[in-house]
Amino acid sequence: MAKTTSKIELTVELDENRVPEKLHWTAEDGGIKNEEAKAILLSVWDSKAQESLRIDLWTKDMPVDEMKLFFHQTLVAMSDTFNRATQDEKMTATMKDFCDYFAEKLELKK
């Protein structure tokens, strides 16, 4: 059986000070072609070193209120992913409680 590959591509347009001005991403298998983004958080697990490697980028025109929403939604999604990966219901509930606290303190929920 032939193996298939799938490619996800990130493109970062920098200003003269190497600060991101534009971010685009493509994931053709998911129907995404050169879509603009204002922020990207990417984590990769290095099994040999037993550590997480990160790429955290956002454009200089990303509004702070949108960044707060982005972080909240990312934390909620990470809680869901943690639950699917570990089936640890108790810790997932604790993480969700923190997400609610985060949203409350930043006044994200109207």
PDB file of N, CA and C in Angstrom:
ATOM      1  N   MET A   1       0.840  -1.191   0.000  1.00  0.00           N
ATOM      2  CA  MET A   1       0.000   0.000   0.000  1.00  0.00           C
ATOM      3  C   MET A   1       0.887   1.258   0.000  1.00  0.00           C
ATOM      4  N   ALA A   2       0.611   2.155  -0.902  1.00  0.00           N
ATOM      5  CA  ALA A   2       1.423   3.367  -1.031  1.00  0.00           C
ATOM      6  C   ALA A   2       1.128   4.339   0.100  1.00  0.00           C
ATOM      7  N   LYS A   3       2.175   4.945   0.620  1.00  0.00           N
ATOM      8  CA  LYS A   3       2.012   5.964   1.649  1.00  0.00           C
ATOM      9  C   LYS A   3       1.669   7.283   0.973  1.00  0.00           C
ATOM     10  N   THR A   4       0.870   8.073   1.661  1.00  0.00           N
ATOM     11  CA  THR A   4       0.556   9.405   1.153  1.00  0.00           C
ATOM     12  C   THR A   4       1.127  10.428   2.123  1.00  0.00           C
ATOM     13  N   THR A   5       1.338  11.604   1.633  1.00  0.00           N
ATOM     14  CA  THR A   5       1.794  12.696   2.485  1.00  0.00           C
ATOM     15  C   THR A   5       0.827  13.859   2.338  1.00  0.00           C
ATOM     16  N   SER A   6       0.824  14.692   3.333  1.00  0.00           N
ATOM     17  CA  SER A   6       0.008  15.895   3.334  1.00  0.00           C
ATOM     18  C   SER A   6       0.900  17.035   3.776  1.00  0.00           C
ATOM     19  N   LYS A   7       0.786  18.177   3.117  1.00  0.00           N
ATOM     20  CA  LYS A   7       1.676  19.292   3.408  1.00  0.00           C
ATOM     21  C   LYS A   7       0.883  20.470   3.952  1.00  0.00           C
ATOM     22  N   ILE A   8       1.418  21.064   5.015  1.00  0.00           N
ATOM     23  CA  ILE A   8       0.884  22.304   5.572  1.00  0.00           C
ATOM     24  C   ILE A   8       1.999  23.334   5.445  1.00  0.00           C
ATOM     25  N   GLU A   9       1.670  24.464   4.859  1.00  0.00           N
ATOM     26  CA  GLU A   9       2.689  25.472   4.567  1.00  0.00           C
ATOM     27  C   GLU A   9       2.338  26.796   5.232  1.00  0.00           C
ATOM     28  N   LEU A  10       3.328  27.417   5.884  1.00  0.00           N
ATOM     29  CA  LEU A  10       3.171  28.727   6.499  1.00  0.00           C
ATOM     30  C   LEU A  10       4.084  29.706   5.781  1.00  0.00           C
ATOM     31  N   THR A  11       3.564  30.879   5.447  1.00  0.00           N
ATOM     32  CA  THR A  11       4.359  31.912   4.799  1.00  0.00           C
ATOM     33  C   THR A  11       4.300  33.165   5.664  1.00  0.00           C
ATOM     34  N   VAL A  12       5.480  33.700   5.964  1.00  0.00           N
ATOM     35  CA  VAL A  12       5.586  34.876   6.831  1.00  0.00           C
ATOM     36  C   VAL A  12       6.239  36.002   6.038  1.00  0.00           C
ATOM     37  N   GLU A  13       5.515  37.110   5.902  1.00  0.00           N
ATOM     38  CA  GLU A  13       6.048  38.299   5.235  1.00  0.00           C
ATOM     39  C   GLU A  13       6.530  39.251   6.326  1.00  0.00           C
ATOM     40  N   LEU A  14       7.820  39.603   6.286  1.00  0.00           N
ATOM     41  CA  LEU A  14       8.443  40.410   7.339  1.00  0.00           C
ATOM     42  C   LEU A  14       8.694  41.835   6.869  1.00  0.00           C
ATOM     43  N   ASP A  15       8.691  42.775   7.831  1.00  0.00           N
ATOM     44  CA  ASP A  15       9.090  44.137   7.495  1.00  0.00           C
ATOM     45  C   ASP A  15      10.615  44.245   7.590  1.00  0.00           C
ATOM     46  N   GLU A  16      11.129  45.451   7.462  1.00  0.00           N
ATOM     47  CA  GLU A  16      12.589  45.637   7.456  1.00  0.00           C
ATOM     48  C   GLU A  16      13.240  45.256   8.791  1.00  0.00           C
ATOM     49  N   ASN A  17      12.453  45.224   9.869  1.00  0.00           N
ATOM     50  CA  ASN A  17      12.968  44.830  11.193  1.00  0.00           C
ATOM     51  C   ASN A  17      12.674  43.368  11.509  1.00  0.00           C
ATOM     52  N   ARG A  18      12.243  42.631  10.513  1.00  0.00           N
ATOM     53  CA  ARG A  18      11.923  41.199  10.641  1.00  0.00           C
ATOM     54  C   ARG A  18      10.732  40.943  11.566  1.00  0.00           C
ATOM     55  N   VAL A  19       9.818  41.896  11.608  1.00  0.00           N
ATOM     56  CA  VAL A  19       8.569  41.747  12.357  1.00  0.00           C
ATOM     57  C   VAL A  19       7.498  41.291  11.370  1.00  0.00           C
ATOM     58  N   PRO A  20       6.721  40.261  11.723  1.00  0.00           N
ATOM     59  CA  PRO A  20       5.703  39.777  10.782  1.00  0.00           C
ATOM     60  C   PRO A  20       4.672  40.850  10.416  1.00  0.00           C
ATOM     61  N   GLU A  21       4.497  41.051   9.121  1.00  0.00           N
ATOM     62  CA  GLU A  21       3.470  41.968   8.614  1.00  0.00           C
ATOM     63  C   GLU A  21       2.269  41.199   8.098  1.00  0.00           C
ATOM     64  N   LYS A  22       2.535  40.060   7.453  1.00  0.00           N
ATOM     65  CA  LYS A  22       1.452  39.226   6.919  1.00  0.00           C
ATOM     66  C   LYS A  22       1.797  37.761   7.152  1.00  0.00           C
ATOM     67  N   LEU A  23       0.759  36.993   7.472  1.00  0.00           N
ATOM     68  CA  LEU A  23       0.880  35.544   7.640  1.00  0.00           C
ATOM     69  C   LEU A  23      -0.134  34.879   6.726  1.00  0.00           C
ATOM     70  N   HIS A  24       0.299  33.853   6.032  1.00  0.00           N
ATOM     71  CA  HIS A  24      -0.602  33.070   5.178  1.00  0.00           C
ATOM     72  C   HIS A  24      -0.343  31.595   5.432  1.00  0.00           C
ATOM     73  N   TRP A  25      -1.372  30.788   5.250  1.00  0.00           N
ATOM     74  CA  TRP A  25      -1.196  29.346   5.417  1.00  0.00           C
ATOM     75  C   TRP A  25      -1.976  28.591   4.370  1.00  0.00           C
ATOM     76  N   THR A  26      -1.434  27.426   4.034  1.00  0.00           N
ATOM     77  CA  THR A  26      -2.037  26.551   3.032  1.00  0.00           C
ATOM     78  C   THR A  26      -2.060  25.126   3.591  1.00  0.00           C
ATOM     79  N   ALA A  27      -3.216  24.495   3.483  1.00  0.00           N
ATOM     80  CA  ALA A  27      -3.381  23.075   3.821  1.00  0.00           C
ATOM     81  C   ALA A  27      -4.370  22.535   2.794  1.00  0.00           C
ATOM     82  N   GLU A  28      -3.848  22.208   1.620  1.00  0.00           N
ATOM     83  CA  GLU A  28      -4.713  21.872   0.495  1.00  0.00           C
ATOM     84  C   GLU A  28      -5.631  20.698   0.777  1.00  0.00           C
ATOM     85  N   ASP A  29      -5.170  19.710   1.560  1.00  0.00           N
ATOM     86  CA  ASP A  29      -6.042  18.579   1.910  1.00  0.00           C
ATOM     87  C   ASP A  29      -7.255  19.039   2.719  1.00  0.00           C
ATOM     88  N   GLY A  30      -7.117  20.172   3.414  1.00  0.00           N
ATOM     89  CA  GLY A  30      -8.223  20.727   4.194  1.00  0.00           C
ATOM     90  C   GLY A  30      -8.973  21.817   3.451  1.00  0.00           C
ATOM     91  N   GLY A  31      -8.623  22.024   2.194  1.00  0.00           N
ATOM     92  CA  GLY A  31      -9.309  23.037   1.393  1.00  0.00           C
ATOM     93  C   GLY A  31      -8.842  24.460   1.670  1.00  0.00           C
ATOM     94  N   ILE A  32      -7.685  24.622   2.299  1.00  0.00           N
ATOM     95  CA  ILE A  32      -7.158  25.950   2.618  1.00  0.00           C
ATOM     96  C   ILE A  32      -6.034  26.272   1.639  1.00  0.00           C
ATOM     97  N   LYS A  33      -6.166  27.394   0.949  1.00  0.00           N
ATOM     98  CA  LYS A  33      -5.155  27.788  -0.037  1.00  0.00           C
ATOM     99  C   LYS A  33      -4.778  29.246   0.195  1.00  0.00           C
ATOM    100  N   ASN A  34      -3.576  29.461   0.720  1.00  0.00           N
ATOM    101  CA  ASN A  34      -3.025  30.802   0.903  1.00  0.00           C
ATOM    102  C   ASN A  34      -3.970  31.745   1.652  1.00  0.00           C
ATOM    103  N   GLU A  35      -4.545  31.255   2.750  1.00  0.00           N
ATOM    104  CA  GLU A  35      -5.456  32.065   3.568  1.00  0.00           C
ATOM    105  C   GLU A  35      -4.651  32.954   4.512  1.00  0.00           C
ATOM    106  N   GLU A  36      -5.129  34.174   4.711  1.00  0.00           N
ATOM    107  CA  GLU A  36      -4.449  35.092   5.619  1.00  0.00           C
ATOM    108  C   GLU A  36      -4.796  34.758   7.062  1.00  0.00           C
ATOM    109  N   ALA A  37      -3.835  34.949   7.943  1.00  0.00           N
ATOM    110  CA  ALA A  37      -4.034  34.785   9.385  1.00  0.00           C
ATOM    111  C   ALA A  37      -3.365  35.964  10.076  1.00  0.00           C
ATOM    112  N   LYS A  38      -3.822  36.295  11.268  1.00  0.00           N
ATOM    113  CA  LYS A  38      -3.200  37.365  12.046  1.00  0.00           C
ATOM    114  C   LYS A  38      -2.247  36.808  13.100  1.00  0.00           C
ATOM    115  N   ALA A  39      -2.412  35.507  13.441  1.00  0.00           N
ATOM    116  CA  ALA A  39      -1.540  34.892  14.447  1.00  0.00           C
ATOM    117  C   ALA A  39      -1.443  33.398  14.186  1.00  0.00           C
ATOM    118  N   ILE A  40      -0.296  32.826  14.575  1.00  0.00           N
ATOM    119  CA  ILE A  40      -0.059  31.388  14.452  1.00  0.00           C
ATOM    120  C   ILE A  40       0.662  30.930  15.714  1.00  0.00           C
ATOM    121  N   LEU A  41       0.128  29.902  16.363  1.00  0.00           N
ATOM    122  CA  LEU A  41       0.806  29.245  17.473  1.00  0.00           C
ATOM    123  C   LEU A  41       1.000  27.800  17.050  1.00  0.00           C
ATOM    124  N   LEU A  42       2.245  27.370  16.944  1.00  0.00           N
ATOM    125  CA  LEU A  42       2.547  26.017  16.503  1.00  0.00           C
ATOM    126  C   LEU A  42       3.456  25.358  17.525  1.00  0.00           C
ATOM    127  N   SER A  43       3.049  24.181  18.012  1.00  0.00           N
ATOM    128  CA  SER A  43       3.868  23.414  18.946  1.00  0.00           C
ATOM    129  C   SER A  43       4.234  22.088  18.292  1.00  0.00           C
ATOM    130  N   VAL A  44       5.484  21.690  18.467  1.00  0.00           N
ATOM    131  CA  VAL A  44       5.985  20.432  17.926  1.00  0.00           C
ATOM    132  C   VAL A  44       6.670  19.692  19.065  1.00  0.00           C
ATOM    133  N   TRP A  45       6.369  18.391  19.219  1.00  0.00           N
ATOM    134  CA  TRP A  45       6.985  17.594  20.273  1.00  0.00           C
ATOM    135  C   TRP A  45       8.259  16.947  19.769  1.00  0.00           C
ATOM    136  N   ASP A  46       9.377  17.233  20.444  1.00  0.00           N
ATOM    137  CA  ASP A  46      10.664  16.599  20.159  1.00  0.00           C
ATOM    138  C   ASP A  46      10.803  15.438  21.140  1.00  0.00           C
ATOM    139  N   SER A  47      10.549  14.238  20.656  1.00  0.00           N
ATOM    140  CA  SER A  47      10.534  13.053  21.511  1.00  0.00           C
ATOM    141  C   SER A  47      11.917  12.733  22.081  1.00  0.00           C
ATOM    142  N   LYS A  48      12.949  12.945  21.283  1.00  0.00           N
ATOM    143  CA  LYS A  48      14.306  12.654  21.764  1.00  0.00           C
ATOM    144  C   LYS A  48      14.690  13.551  22.929  1.00  0.00           C
ATOM    145  N   ALA A  49      14.435  14.842  22.789  1.00  0.00           N
ATOM    146  CA  ALA A  49      14.796  15.801  23.833  1.00  0.00           C
ATOM    147  C   ALA A  49      13.722  15.890  24.921  1.00  0.00           C
ATOM    148  N   GLN A  50      12.566  15.265  24.665  1.00  0.00           N
ATOM    149  CA  GLN A  50      11.425  15.324  25.591  1.00  0.00           C
ATOM    150  C   GLN A  50      11.048  16.773  25.907  1.00  0.00           C
ATOM    151  N   GLU A  51      10.889  17.548  24.817  1.00  0.00           N
ATOM    152  CA  GLU A  51      10.493  18.947  25.003  1.00  0.00           C
ATOM    153  C   GLU A  51       9.666  19.448  23.842  1.00  0.00           C
ATOM    154  N   SER A  52       8.889  20.452  24.150  1.00  0.00           N
ATOM    155  CA  SER A  52       8.033  21.090  23.163  1.00  0.00           C
ATOM    156  C   SER A  52       8.795  22.240  22.506  1.00  0.00           C
ATOM    157  N   LEU A  53       8.706  22.314  21.181  1.00  0.00           N
ATOM    158  CA  LEU A  53       9.302  23.406  20.421  1.00  0.00           C
ATOM    159  C   LEU A  53       8.155  24.248  19.882  1.00  0.00           C
ATOM    160  N   ARG A  54       8.347  25.560  19.842  1.00  0.00           N
ATOM    161  CA  ARG A  54       7.237  26.437  19.482  1.00  0.00           C
ATOM    162  C   ARG A  54       7.617  27.461  18.426  1.00  0.00           C
ATOM    163  N   ILE A  55       6.606  27.822  17.663  1.00  0.00           N
ATOM    164  CA  ILE A  55       6.672  28.995  16.794  1.00  0.00           C
ATOM    165  C   ILE A  55       5.441  29.816  17.147  1.00  0.00           C
ATOM    166  N   ASP A  56       5.657  31.007  17.691  1.00  0.00           N
ATOM    167  CA  ASP A  56       4.572  31.910  18.066  1.00  0.00           C
ATOM    168  C   ASP A  56       4.739  33.192  17.257  1.00  0.00           C
ATOM    169  N   LEU A  57       3.824  33.429  16.336  1.00  0.00           N
ATOM    170  CA  LEU A  57       3.913  34.601  15.472  1.00  0.00           C
ATOM    171  C   LEU A  57       2.584  35.332  15.432  1.00  0.00           C
ATOM    172  N   TRP A  58       2.647  36.646  15.374  1.00  0.00           N
ATOM    173  CA  TRP A  58       1.446  37.439  15.120  1.00  0.00           C
ATOM    174  C   TRP A  58       1.871  38.698  14.398  1.00  0.00           C
ATOM    175  N   THR A  59       0.952  39.209  13.589  1.00  0.00           N
ATOM    176  CA  THR A  59       1.256  40.410  12.812  1.00  0.00           C
ATOM    177  C   THR A  59       1.210  41.626  13.719  1.00  0.00           C
ATOM    178  N   LYS A  60       1.941  42.656  13.313  1.00  0.00           N
ATOM    179  CA  LYS A  60       2.009  43.846  14.155  1.00  0.00           C
ATOM    180  C   LYS A  60       0.675  44.587  14.218  1.00  0.00           C
ATOM    181  N   ASP A  61      -0.252  44.262  13.309  1.00  0.00           N
ATOM    182  CA  ASP A  61      -1.562  44.913  13.361  1.00  0.00           C
ATOM    183  C   ASP A  61      -2.635  44.021  14.005  1.00  0.00           C
ATOM    184  N   MET A  62      -2.217  42.929  14.658  1.00  0.00           N
ATOM    185  CA  MET A  62      -3.174  42.071  15.365  1.00  0.00           C
ATOM    186  C   MET A  62      -3.692  42.841  16.584  1.00  0.00           C
ATOM    187  N   PRO A  63      -5.006  43.104  16.644  1.00  0.00           N
ATOM    188  CA  PRO A  63      -5.553  43.839  17.788  1.00  0.00           C
ATOM    189  C   PRO A  63      -5.444  43.015  19.080  1.00  0.00           C
ATOM    190  N   VAL A  64      -5.160  43.686  20.185  1.00  0.00           N
ATOM    191  CA  VAL A  64      -5.003  43.016  21.475  1.00  0.00           C
ATOM    192  C   VAL A  64      -6.290  42.284  21.872  1.00  0.00           C
ATOM    193  N   ASP A  65      -7.449  42.868  21.606  1.00  0.00           N
ATOM    194  CA  ASP A  65      -8.704  42.191  21.976  1.00  0.00           C
ATOM    195  C   ASP A  65      -8.869  40.885  21.191  1.00  0.00           C
ATOM    196  N   GLU A  66      -8.429  40.865  19.934  1.00  0.00           N
ATOM    197  CA  GLU A  66      -8.473  39.631  19.151  1.00  0.00           C
ATOM    198  C   GLU A  66      -7.458  38.620  19.673  1.00  0.00           C
ATOM    199  N   MET A  67      -6.291  39.095  20.119  1.00  0.00           N
ATOM    200  CA  MET A  67      -5.275  38.190  20.676  1.00  0.00           C
ATOM    201  C   MET A  67      -5.824  37.506  21.932  1.00  0.00           C
ATOM    202  N   LYS A  68      -6.534  38.245  22.766  1.00  0.00           N
ATOM    203  CA  LYS A  68      -7.127  37.663  23.975  1.00  0.00           C
ATOM    204  C   LYS A  68      -8.147  36.585  23.615  1.00  0.00           C
ATOM    205  N   LEU A  69      -8.984  36.857  22.628  1.00  0.00           N
ATOM    206  CA  LEU A  69      -9.954  35.856  22.156  1.00  0.00           C
ATOM    207  C   LEU A  69      -9.247  34.641  21.577  1.00  0.00           C
ATOM    208  N   PHE A  70      -8.212  34.898  20.778  1.00  0.00           N
ATOM    209  CA  PHE A  70      -7.440  33.819  20.160  1.00  0.00           C
ATOM    210  C   PHE A  70      -6.841  32.908  21.235  1.00  0.00           C
ATOM    211  N   PHE A  71      -6.259  33.508  22.272  1.00  0.00           N
ATOM    212  CA  PHE A  71      -5.692  32.702  23.348  1.00  0.00           C
ATOM    213  C   PHE A  71      -6.766  31.901  24.064  1.00  0.00           C
ATOM    214  N   HIS A  72      -7.902  32.526  24.357  1.00  0.00           N
ATOM    215  CA  HIS A  72      -8.976  31.802  25.044  1.00  0.00           C
ATOM    216  C   HIS A  72      -9.438  30.604  24.212  1.00  0.00           C
ATOM    217  N   GLN A  73      -9.703  30.837  22.944  1.00  0.00           N
ATOM    218  CA  GLN A  73     -10.170  29.747  22.081  1.00  0.00           C
ATOM    219  C   GLN A  73      -9.108  28.658  21.935  1.00  0.00           C
ATOM    220  N   THR A  74      -7.823  29.049  21.910  1.00  0.00           N
ATOM    221  CA  THR A  74      -6.739  28.071  21.833  1.00  0.00           C
ATOM    222  C   THR A  74      -6.675  27.236  23.109  1.00  0.00           C
ATOM    223  N   LEU A  75      -6.832  27.876  24.259  1.00  0.00           N
ATOM    224  CA  LEU A  75      -6.825  27.144  25.528  1.00  0.00           C
ATOM    225  C   LEU A  75      -7.984  26.150  25.604  1.00  0.00           C
ATOM    226  N   VAL A  76      -9.170  26.561  25.152  1.00  0.00           N
ATOM    227  CA  VAL A  76     -10.331  25.659  25.133  1.00  0.00           C
ATOM    228  C   VAL A  76     -10.055  24.477  24.201  1.00  0.00           C
ATOM    229  N   ALA A  77      -9.511  24.756  23.026  1.00  0.00           N
ATOM    230  CA  ALA A  77      -9.197  23.688  22.070  1.00  0.00           C
ATOM    231  C   ALA A  77      -8.136  22.745  22.637  1.00  0.00           C
ATOM    232  N   MET A  78      -7.141  23.287  23.342  1.00  0.00           N
ATOM    233  CA  MET A  78      -6.112  22.446  23.952  1.00  0.00           C
ATOM    234  C   MET A  78      -6.724  21.547  25.029  1.00  0.00           C
ATOM    235  N   SER A  79      -7.699  22.045  25.764  1.00  0.00           N
ATOM    236  CA  SER A  79      -8.397  21.227  26.762  1.00  0.00           C
ATOM    237  C   SER A  79      -9.101  20.060  26.085  1.00  0.00           C
ATOM    238  N   ASP A  80      -9.779  20.335  24.984  1.00  0.00           N
ATOM    239  CA  ASP A  80     -10.470  19.279  24.230  1.00  0.00           C
ATOM    240  C   ASP A  80      -9.468  18.250  23.687  1.00  0.00           C
ATOM    241  N   THR A  81      -8.352  18.741  23.149  1.00  0.00           N
ATOM    242  CA  THR A  81      -7.332  17.846  22.611  1.00  0.00           C
ATOM    243  C   THR A  81      -6.717  17.004  23.723  1.00  0.00           C
ATOM    244  N   PHE A  82      -6.451  17.626  24.872  1.00  0.00           N
ATOM    245  CA  PHE A  82      -5.903  16.900  26.016  1.00  0.00           C
ATOM    246  C   PHE A  82      -6.846  15.761  26.416  1.00  0.00           C
ATOM    247  N   ASN A  83      -8.137  16.049  26.441  1.00  0.00           N
ATOM    248  CA  ASN A  83      -9.125  15.027  26.800  1.00  0.00           C
ATOM    249  C   ASN A  83      -9.128  13.875  25.793  1.00  0.00           C
ATOM    250  N   ARG A  84      -9.128  14.202  24.493  1.00  0.00           N
ATOM    251  CA  ARG A  84      -9.105  13.152  23.464  1.00  0.00           C
ATOM    252  C   ARG A  84      -7.836  12.313  23.541  1.00  0.00           C
ATOM    253  N   ALA A  85      -6.710  12.961  23.863  1.00  0.00           N
ATOM    254  CA  ALA A  85      -5.423  12.265  23.881  1.00  0.00           C
ATOM    255  C   ALA A  85      -5.213  11.426  25.140  1.00  0.00           C
ATOM    256  N   THR A  86      -5.792  11.855  26.269  1.00  0.00           N
ATOM    257  CA  THR A  86      -5.495  11.194  27.549  1.00  0.00           C
ATOM    258  C   THR A  86      -6.697  10.551  28.217  1.00  0.00           C
ATOM    259  N   GLN A  87      -7.908  10.957  27.831  1.00  0.00           N
ATOM    260  CA  GLN A  87      -9.147  10.543  28.497  1.00  0.00           C
ATOM    261  C   GLN A  87      -9.130  10.886  29.993  1.00  0.00           C
ATOM    262  N   ASP A  88      -8.354  11.895  30.379  1.00  0.00           N
ATOM    263  CA  ASP A  88      -8.274  12.329  31.772  1.00  0.00           C
ATOM    264  C   ASP A  88      -9.368  13.377  32.017  1.00  0.00           C
ATOM    265  N   GLU A  89     -10.553  12.885  32.390  1.00  0.00           N
ATOM    266  CA  GLU A  89     -11.721  13.759  32.558  1.00  0.00           C
ATOM    267  C   GLU A  89     -11.517  14.791  33.676  1.00  0.00           C
ATOM    268  N   LYS A  90     -10.874  14.355  34.763  1.00  0.00           N
ATOM    269  CA  LYS A  90     -10.709  15.246  35.920  1.00  0.00           C
ATOM    270  C   LYS A  90      -9.818  16.445  35.570  1.00  0.00           C
ATOM    271  N   MET A  91      -8.682  16.181  34.932  1.00  0.00           N
ATOM    272  CA  MET A  91      -7.785  17.285  34.563  1.00  0.00           C
ATOM    273  C   MET A  91      -8.419  18.137  33.460  1.00  0.00           C
ATOM    274  N   THR A  92      -9.159  17.513  32.560  1.00  0.00           N
ATOM    275  CA  THR A  92      -9.841  18.282  31.517  1.00  0.00           C
ATOM    276  C   THR A  92     -10.820  19.268  32.149  1.00  0.00           C
ATOM    277  N   ALA A  93     -11.555  18.814  33.157  1.00  0.00           N
ATOM    278  CA  ALA A  93     -12.502  19.698  33.854  1.00  0.00           C
ATOM    279  C   ALA A  93     -11.756  20.852  34.527  1.00  0.00           C
ATOM    280  N   THR A  94     -10.596  20.565  35.100  1.00  0.00           N
ATOM    281  CA  THR A  94      -9.782  21.607  35.736  1.00  0.00           C
ATOM    282  C   THR A  94      -9.308  22.613  34.692  1.00  0.00           C
ATOM    283  N   MET A  95      -8.892  22.110  33.548  1.00  0.00           N
ATOM    284  CA  MET A  95      -8.447  22.995  32.474  1.00  0.00           C
ATOM    285  C   MET A  95      -9.607  23.866  31.975  1.00  0.00           C
ATOM    286  N   LYS A  96     -10.783  23.281  31.852  1.00  0.00           N
ATOM    287  CA  LYS A  96     -11.964  24.041  31.408  1.00  0.00           C
ATOM    288  C   LYS A  96     -12.321  25.122  32.430  1.00  0.00           C
ATOM    289  N   ASP A  97     -12.175  24.784  33.723  1.00  0.00           N
ATOM    290  CA  ASP A  97     -12.424  25.784  34.773  1.00  0.00           C
ATOM    291  C   ASP A  97     -11.471  26.964  34.599  1.00  0.00           C
ATOM    292  N   PHE A  98     -10.200  26.663  34.302  1.00  0.00           N
ATOM    293  CA  PHE A  98      -9.249  27.748  34.072  1.00  0.00           C
ATOM    294  C   PHE A  98      -9.663  28.572  32.851  1.00  0.00           C
ATOM    295  N   CYS A  99     -10.116  27.920  31.797  1.00  0.00           N
ATOM    296  CA  CYS A  99     -10.550  28.650  30.594  1.00  0.00           C
ATOM    297  C   CYS A  99     -11.694  29.604  30.931  1.00  0.00           C
ATOM    298  N   ASP A 100     -12.628  29.135  31.764  1.00  0.00           N
ATOM    299  CA  ASP A 100     -13.736  30.003  32.200  1.00  0.00           C
ATOM    300  C   ASP A 100     -13.217  31.187  33.017  1.00  0.00           C
ATOM    301  N   TYR A 101     -12.269  30.918  33.913  1.00  0.00           N
ATOM    302  CA  TYR A 101     -11.657  31.960  34.738  1.00  0.00           C
ATOM    303  C   TYR A 101     -10.936  32.980  33.854  1.00  0.00           C
ATOM    304  N   PHE A 102     -10.175  32.488  32.886  1.00  0.00           N
ATOM    305  CA  PHE A 102      -9.446  33.324  31.936  1.00  0.00           C
ATOM    306  C   PHE A 102     -10.419  34.266  31.214  1.00  0.00           C
ATOM    307  N   ALA A 103     -11.508  33.695  30.706  1.00  0.00           N
ATOM    308  CA  ALA A 103     -12.506  34.490  29.967  1.00  0.00           C
ATOM    309  C   ALA A 103     -13.167  35.521  30.878  1.00  0.00           C
ATOM    310  N   GLU A 104     -13.456  35.103  32.107  1.00  0.00           N
ATOM    311  CA  GLU A 104     -14.086  36.016  33.055  1.00  0.00           C
ATOM    312  C   GLU A 104     -13.153  37.196  33.395  1.00  0.00           C
ATOM    313  N   LYS A 105     -11.896  36.887  33.702  1.00  0.00           N
ATOM    314  CA  LYS A 105     -10.952  37.940  34.081  1.00  0.00           C
ATOM    315  C   LYS A 105     -10.683  38.908  32.939  1.00  0.00           C
ATOM    316  N   LEU A 106     -10.700  38.429  31.705  1.00  0.00           N
ATOM    317  CA  LEU A 106     -10.477  39.293  30.550  1.00  0.00           C
ATOM    318  C   LEU A 106     -11.782  39.859  30.006  1.00  0.00           C
ATOM    319  N   GLU A 107     -12.888  39.529  30.684  1.00  0.00           N
ATOM    320  CA  GLU A 107     -14.218  39.995  30.284  1.00  0.00           C
ATOM    321  C   GLU A 107     -14.514  39.665  28.823  1.00  0.00           C
ATOM    322  N   LEU A 108     -14.248  38.402  28.463  1.00  0.00           N
ATOM    323  CA  LEU A 108     -14.484  37.956  27.090  1.00  0.00           C
ATOM    324  C   LEU A 108     -15.916  37.499  26.853  1.00  0.00           C
ATOM    325  N   LYS A 109     -16.578  37.076  27.925  1.00  0.00           N
ATOM    326  CA  LYS A 109     -17.945  36.591  27.779  1.00  0.00           C
ATOM    327  C   LYS A 109     -18.910  37.720  28.151  1.00  0.00           C
ATOM    328  N   LYS A 110     -19.759  38.013  27.216  1.00  0.00           N
ATOM    329  CA  LYS A 110     -20.721  39.107  27.418  1.00  0.00           C
ATOM    330  C   LYS A 110     -21.926  38.624  28.185  1.00  0.00           C
TER     331      LYS A 110
END
